[in-house]
Structures are given as structure tokens and as C-alpha cells.
């Protein structure tokens, strides 16, 4: 599961990293603002690299919506979908038979660039958030799917069964987002990728030796506290909490 992320890179850094161009240059200034905690349940506007435009860095709403909906139905759909996780994550095991995912699996895959993400760890009945990022501060490329609703793009992050490392971190649900190895990012966006090829990329293990994982403030879970601040990605240690 992956409901909380961070993205603190400037647009030009993402453009150079992926060899893409922002589709809405008038919004460059807004997307240049660092976002230390992006709460998926607010269905934020984020940047993705879509299969249908692999040289584009495009705005999209986090929370996939069925392709038969209309833009004016998004708000009501999100209110209803909250009971199912708001469309924030998609189980990769259901990729080719889920009523939404199967329509995007072959033709509408995407990359979601983030500088980190958060996962909950349970210890003695309490949840403690872990922040996961690259040790060298490079972006992480999360694999996703998207739909196009009128002139709005909506997306979801793919998840899979947790690796041994993520099973220790996310020790209640034992899930993790699908992180693409840098060498296979462009492969993920290829039009000729078939079902077997898609599953192979999903099941490839990311080199976790390059990841930095540590606990952060439990304020992350409090909706009444503004946690989109730089301090939210600072390490906070808790007695007894370790992996």
C-alpha cells in the first residue's frame, strides 16, 4: 500500500532525469514548490509520465476513476470510493481482471516520479510511519495506471506482495508499491509490452541496498496537522521500533 508520498524536485530536474517536457509550462512555478507530504486521500494533482506520451510530464489526479465517468462526477465518485481506498492503489495481482485496471493495463501505464513515500509500521498497537527514499536522493519511479476522464487524467499506484524488507516495515498489510529499476523505466512505457512482459517488470525486485528507510513523526497520520513541511521527512526515533 502507498497512500502518502513526497516529491521535492524542481520540474527541470524531473525533465532532465526522464528526458521529458512539462505539458503545462504555465504551471511550472506551482509544480516547482517542494511537497514533503502528499496525502493521497485529498486526491492531489501530481505529475506522471504516461504511456501515450512518454516524452511528457503531465498533471494527473491521484485516485483512478473508471473511464466511463465524466469530469463533473469525479468529486462524488471519490466520496464513494473512499471505502475502497479511493483508487489510490491497485493490486498488481488483479491487473488483468479488475473492472478498471484491465482497460489500462496494456495501453495506459505510467510512471509516477516521487522523491520518497511513507509506509505504516505497527508496534504494540500503534502505527509509526517510515519514510523510504533513495540514499543518493534520486527520484523513485513508481509504476502506475491511468484513465482519461474528459480533459482530466486520473492515476493509481501499483502494489505487490512485500519484499522481506518491506514486510518488516509494512508489517500489518505486507504490501509495497511497485518500484521500477532505472534500466527498465522506458520498457514499462512501451506499447508492445504484453501481459507476460508487464508481469515480469512488476515482479522484478528493486535494489533495496540503495534505499534509506527510517521512522518519522507520527504527526503524519493527523489530518488536522499541516504535515507538508520539510521537517516531516526528518528522522524521529522511537524506543523499540526497529526493522
Protein backbone atom coordinates (compact mmCIF):
# COMPACT_ATOMS: atom_id res chain seq x y z
CA UNK A 1 0.00 0.00 0.00
CA UNK A 2 1.16 3.51 -0.71
CA UNK A 3 -1.13 6.37 0.30
CA UNK A 4 1.46 9.01 1.18
CA UNK A 5 4.37 10.29 -0.92
CA UNK A 6 6.77 13.21 -1.27
CA UNK A 7 8.08 14.99 -4.36
CA UNK A 8 10.60 17.76 -3.76
CA UNK A 9 12.42 18.01 -7.10
CA UNK A 10 12.14 21.02 -9.39
CA UNK A 11 10.36 20.38 -12.69
CA UNK A 12 13.59 20.89 -14.64
CA UNK A 13 15.23 18.14 -12.58
CA UNK A 14 12.45 15.71 -13.48
CA UNK A 15 12.59 16.77 -17.13
CA UNK A 16 16.33 16.13 -17.26
CA UNK A 17 16.11 12.88 -15.32
CA UNK A 18 13.47 11.32 -17.60
CA UNK A 19 14.09 13.29 -20.82
CA UNK A 20 10.54 14.65 -20.79
CA UNK A 21 8.85 18.05 -21.01
CA UNK A 22 6.13 19.51 -18.83
CA UNK A 23 2.88 19.70 -20.78
CA UNK A 24 1.66 22.83 -18.95
CA UNK A 25 4.52 25.29 -18.79
CA UNK A 26 2.21 27.89 -17.23
CA UNK A 27 2.05 25.62 -14.16
CA UNK A 28 5.82 25.19 -13.83
CA UNK A 29 6.09 27.56 -10.89
CA UNK A 30 3.39 25.70 -8.96
CA UNK A 31 4.99 22.29 -9.56
CA UNK A 32 8.39 23.65 -8.52
CA UNK A 33 7.13 24.02 -4.95
CA UNK A 34 8.52 21.12 -2.88
CA UNK A 35 5.85 18.81 -1.49
CA UNK A 36 7.14 16.95 1.54
CA UNK A 37 3.92 15.11 2.35
CA UNK A 38 1.36 14.40 -0.35
CA UNK A 39 -1.71 12.78 1.18
CA UNK A 40 -3.41 10.62 -1.43
CA UNK A 41 -6.80 10.85 0.25
CA UNK A 42 -7.01 14.52 -0.74
CA UNK A 43 -6.71 13.34 -4.38
CA UNK A 44 -3.87 15.75 -5.15
CA UNK A 45 -2.67 16.92 -8.53
CA UNK A 46 0.68 15.22 -9.28
CA UNK A 47 2.96 14.70 -12.28
CA UNK A 48 3.14 11.43 -14.21
CA UNK A 49 4.79 10.16 -17.38
CA UNK A 50 2.05 8.46 -19.45
CA UNK A 51 2.45 5.60 -21.91
CA UNK A 52 0.54 7.54 -24.56
CA UNK A 53 3.02 10.41 -24.25
CA UNK A 54 6.30 9.01 -22.92
CA UNK A 55 8.11 12.30 -23.58
CA UNK A 56 5.57 14.23 -21.50
CA UNK A 57 5.40 15.15 -17.84
CA UNK A 58 1.66 15.54 -17.33
CA UNK A 59 -0.61 16.61 -14.45
CA UNK A 60 -2.92 13.91 -13.09
CA UNK A 61 -5.19 13.38 -10.09
CA UNK A 62 -4.14 10.65 -7.65
CA UNK A 63 -7.07 8.24 -7.50
CA UNK A 64 -8.02 6.27 -10.59
CA UNK A 65 -11.57 6.67 -11.88
CA UNK A 66 -13.43 4.39 -14.34
CA UNK A 67 -13.19 5.60 -17.91
CA UNK A 68 -16.97 5.89 -18.30
CA UNK A 69 -17.25 8.69 -15.74
CA UNK A 70 -17.46 12.39 -16.60
CA UNK A 71 -15.34 15.19 -15.08
CA UNK A 72 -18.31 16.54 -13.14
CA UNK A 73 -18.74 13.13 -11.48
CA UNK A 74 -15.21 12.96 -10.03
CA UNK A 75 -15.98 14.53 -6.64
CA UNK A 76 -18.95 12.24 -5.97
CA UNK A 77 -17.02 9.21 -7.19
CA UNK A 78 -14.13 9.93 -4.82
CA UNK A 79 -16.54 10.28 -1.88
CA UNK A 80 -18.00 6.87 -2.70
CA UNK A 81 -14.66 5.23 -3.47
CA UNK A 82 -13.05 6.14 -0.14
CA UNK A 83 -14.36 2.87 1.30
CA UNK A 84 -12.29 1.03 -1.32
CA UNK A 85 -9.12 3.03 -0.78
CA UNK A 86 -10.05 5.90 -3.09
CA UNK A 87 -8.43 4.32 -6.12
CA UNK A 88 -5.01 5.32 -4.78
CA UNK A 89 -3.50 1.85 -5.15
CA UNK A 90 -4.11 -1.07 -7.50
CA UNK A 91 -3.19 -4.63 -6.61
CA UNK A 92 -0.99 -5.85 -9.46
CA UNK A 93 -2.34 -9.37 -8.98
CA UNK A 94 -5.71 -8.10 -10.26
CA UNK A 95 -4.26 -6.14 -13.16
CA UNK A 96 -5.95 -8.05 -15.99
CA UNK A 97 -9.33 -8.85 -14.45
CA UNK A 98 -10.32 -5.80 -12.36
CA UNK A 99 -13.11 -3.75 -13.94
CA UNK A 100 -10.96 -0.59 -14.06
CA UNK A 101 -7.39 -1.85 -14.30
CA UNK A 102 -7.91 -4.23 -17.23
CA UNK A 103 -8.78 -1.32 -19.53
CA UNK A 104 -5.49 0.46 -18.74
CA UNK A 105 -3.06 -2.43 -18.23
CA UNK A 106 -1.94 -2.73 -21.86
CA UNK A 107 -2.27 0.83 -23.13
CA UNK A 108 -2.30 3.26 -20.19
CA UNK A 109 0.57 2.51 -17.87
CA UNK A 110 2.54 5.34 -16.32
CA UNK A 111 5.50 6.30 -14.17
CA UNK A 112 4.93 8.39 -11.05
CA UNK A 113 8.16 10.17 -10.03
CA UNK A 114 8.48 10.68 -6.28
CA UNK A 115 11.39 11.52 -4.02
CA UNK A 116 10.03 9.26 -1.31
CA UNK A 117 6.98 7.59 0.17
CA UNK A 118 5.67 6.65 3.59
CA UNK A 119 4.51 3.29 4.95
CA UNK A 120 2.98 2.47 8.37
CA UNK A 121 4.71 0.10 10.80
CA UNK A 122 2.71 -1.33 13.67
CA UNK A 123 4.31 -1.80 17.08
CA UNK A 124 2.38 -2.61 20.26
CA UNK A 125 -0.91 -1.48 18.75
CA UNK A 126 0.36 1.87 17.47
CA UNK A 127 1.35 2.95 13.96
CA UNK A 128 4.71 4.52 13.24
CA UNK A 129 5.40 5.98 9.78
CA UNK A 130 8.53 5.02 7.87
CA UNK A 131 9.92 7.23 5.12
CA UNK A 132 11.54 5.43 2.19
CA UNK A 133 13.82 7.20 -0.27
CA UNK A 134 16.97 6.70 -2.33
CA UNK A 135 20.19 7.21 -0.37
CA UNK A 136 21.51 9.40 -3.19
CA UNK A 137 18.26 11.45 -3.23
CA UNK A 138 17.45 10.37 -6.81
CA UNK A 139 13.77 10.01 -7.64
CA UNK A 140 11.93 6.73 -7.31
CA UNK A 141 9.87 5.63 -10.32
CA UNK A 142 6.62 4.10 -9.12
CA UNK A 143 4.63 2.05 -11.63
CA UNK A 144 1.03 3.01 -12.19
CA UNK A 145 -2.06 3.02 -14.40
CA UNK A 146 -4.20 5.92 -15.57
CA UNK A 147 -7.53 6.78 -17.17
CA UNK A 148 -8.62 9.87 -19.09
CA UNK A 149 -11.85 11.49 -17.94
CA UNK A 150 -12.66 14.28 -20.38
CA UNK A 151 -9.67 16.58 -20.03
CA UNK A 152 -8.65 15.12 -16.65
CA UNK A 153 -6.14 12.31 -16.10
CA UNK A 154 -6.53 10.09 -13.03
CA UNK A 155 -3.96 7.54 -11.87
CA UNK A 156 -3.22 4.82 -9.35
CA UNK A 157 -0.01 3.32 -7.95
CA UNK A 158 0.53 -0.40 -8.43
CA UNK A 159 1.30 -2.52 -5.39
CA UNK A 160 2.53 -6.07 -4.88
CA UNK A 161 3.37 -8.52 -2.11
CA UNK A 162 6.05 -7.04 0.11
CA UNK A 163 9.70 -7.99 -0.19
CA UNK A 164 11.39 -9.14 3.06
CA UNK A 165 12.45 -5.53 3.75
CA UNK A 166 9.01 -4.05 3.17
CA UNK A 167 7.35 -6.89 5.07
CA UNK A 168 9.30 -5.72 8.13
CA UNK A 169 8.25 -2.11 7.55
CA UNK A 170 4.64 -2.59 6.47
CA UNK A 171 4.19 -5.48 8.87
CA UNK A 172 0.38 -5.40 9.00
CA UNK A 173 -0.62 -5.49 5.33
CA UNK A 174 2.65 -6.82 3.84
CA UNK A 175 2.32 -4.76 0.66
CA UNK A 176 4.61 -2.33 -1.16
CA UNK A 177 4.47 -0.09 -4.23
CA UNK A 178 5.99 -1.38 -7.46
CA UNK A 179 9.30 0.50 -7.87
CA UNK A 180 10.82 0.33 -11.34
CA UNK A 181 14.55 -0.17 -11.78
CA UNK A 182 16.03 2.73 -13.74
CA UNK A 183 17.11 0.42 -16.59
CA UNK A 184 13.51 -0.74 -17.09
CA UNK A 185 11.60 2.54 -16.82
CA UNK A 186 11.27 3.02 -20.56
CA UNK A 187 10.38 -0.64 -21.01
CA UNK A 188 7.36 -0.08 -18.76
CA UNK A 189 6.01 2.53 -21.19
CA UNK A 190 6.45 0.52 -24.40
CA UNK A 191 3.30 -0.13 -26.44
CA UNK A 192 4.35 -3.64 -27.48
CA UNK A 193 4.74 -4.90 -23.91
CA UNK A 194 2.46 -7.92 -23.45
CA UNK A 195 0.89 -9.40 -20.34
CA UNK A 196 3.88 -11.61 -19.58
CA UNK A 197 6.29 -8.71 -20.01
CA UNK A 198 4.22 -6.49 -17.74
CA UNK A 199 4.16 -9.11 -15.00
CA UNK A 200 7.91 -9.66 -15.33
CA UNK A 201 8.60 -5.97 -14.75
CA UNK A 202 6.21 -5.86 -11.79
CA UNK A 203 7.89 -8.85 -10.17
CA UNK A 204 11.45 -7.57 -10.62
CA UNK A 205 12.91 -6.66 -7.23
CA UNK A 206 14.23 -3.14 -6.78
CA UNK A 207 17.80 -2.93 -5.48
CA UNK A 208 16.89 -2.18 -1.88
CA UNK A 209 20.51 -1.66 -0.84
CA UNK A 210 20.24 1.86 -2.28
CA UNK A 211 17.19 2.71 -0.14
CA UNK A 212 17.20 4.70 3.07
CA UNK A 213 14.39 3.71 5.46
CA UNK A 214 13.69 5.41 8.79
CA UNK A 215 10.85 6.46 11.09
CA UNK A 216 9.41 9.98 11.02
CA UNK A 217 6.96 11.97 13.13
CA UNK A 218 3.63 10.33 13.93
CA UNK A 219 2.08 13.70 13.07
CA UNK A 220 1.93 12.29 9.52
CA UNK A 221 -1.26 10.46 10.49
CA UNK A 222 -3.03 13.51 11.97
CA UNK A 223 -5.21 15.20 9.39
CA UNK A 224 -5.59 18.37 11.49
CA UNK A 225 -1.83 19.00 11.47
CA UNK A 226 -0.12 20.53 8.45
CA UNK A 227 2.50 17.91 7.65
CA UNK A 228 3.53 19.26 4.26
CA UNK A 229 6.66 20.71 5.84
CA UNK A 230 10.33 19.85 5.45
CA UNK A 231 10.54 18.52 9.00
CA UNK A 232 8.12 15.66 8.19
CA UNK A 233 10.89 13.79 6.35
CA UNK A 234 13.34 14.19 9.26
CA UNK A 235 14.16 11.04 11.20
CA UNK A 236 12.42 10.56 14.54
CA UNK A 237 13.45 7.54 16.58
CA UNK A 238 11.10 5.56 18.82
CA UNK A 239 12.14 3.19 21.56
CA UNK A 240 11.59 -0.42 20.47
CA UNK A 241 10.67 0.41 16.87
CA UNK A 242 13.18 -1.12 14.50
CA UNK A 243 13.33 -3.41 11.46
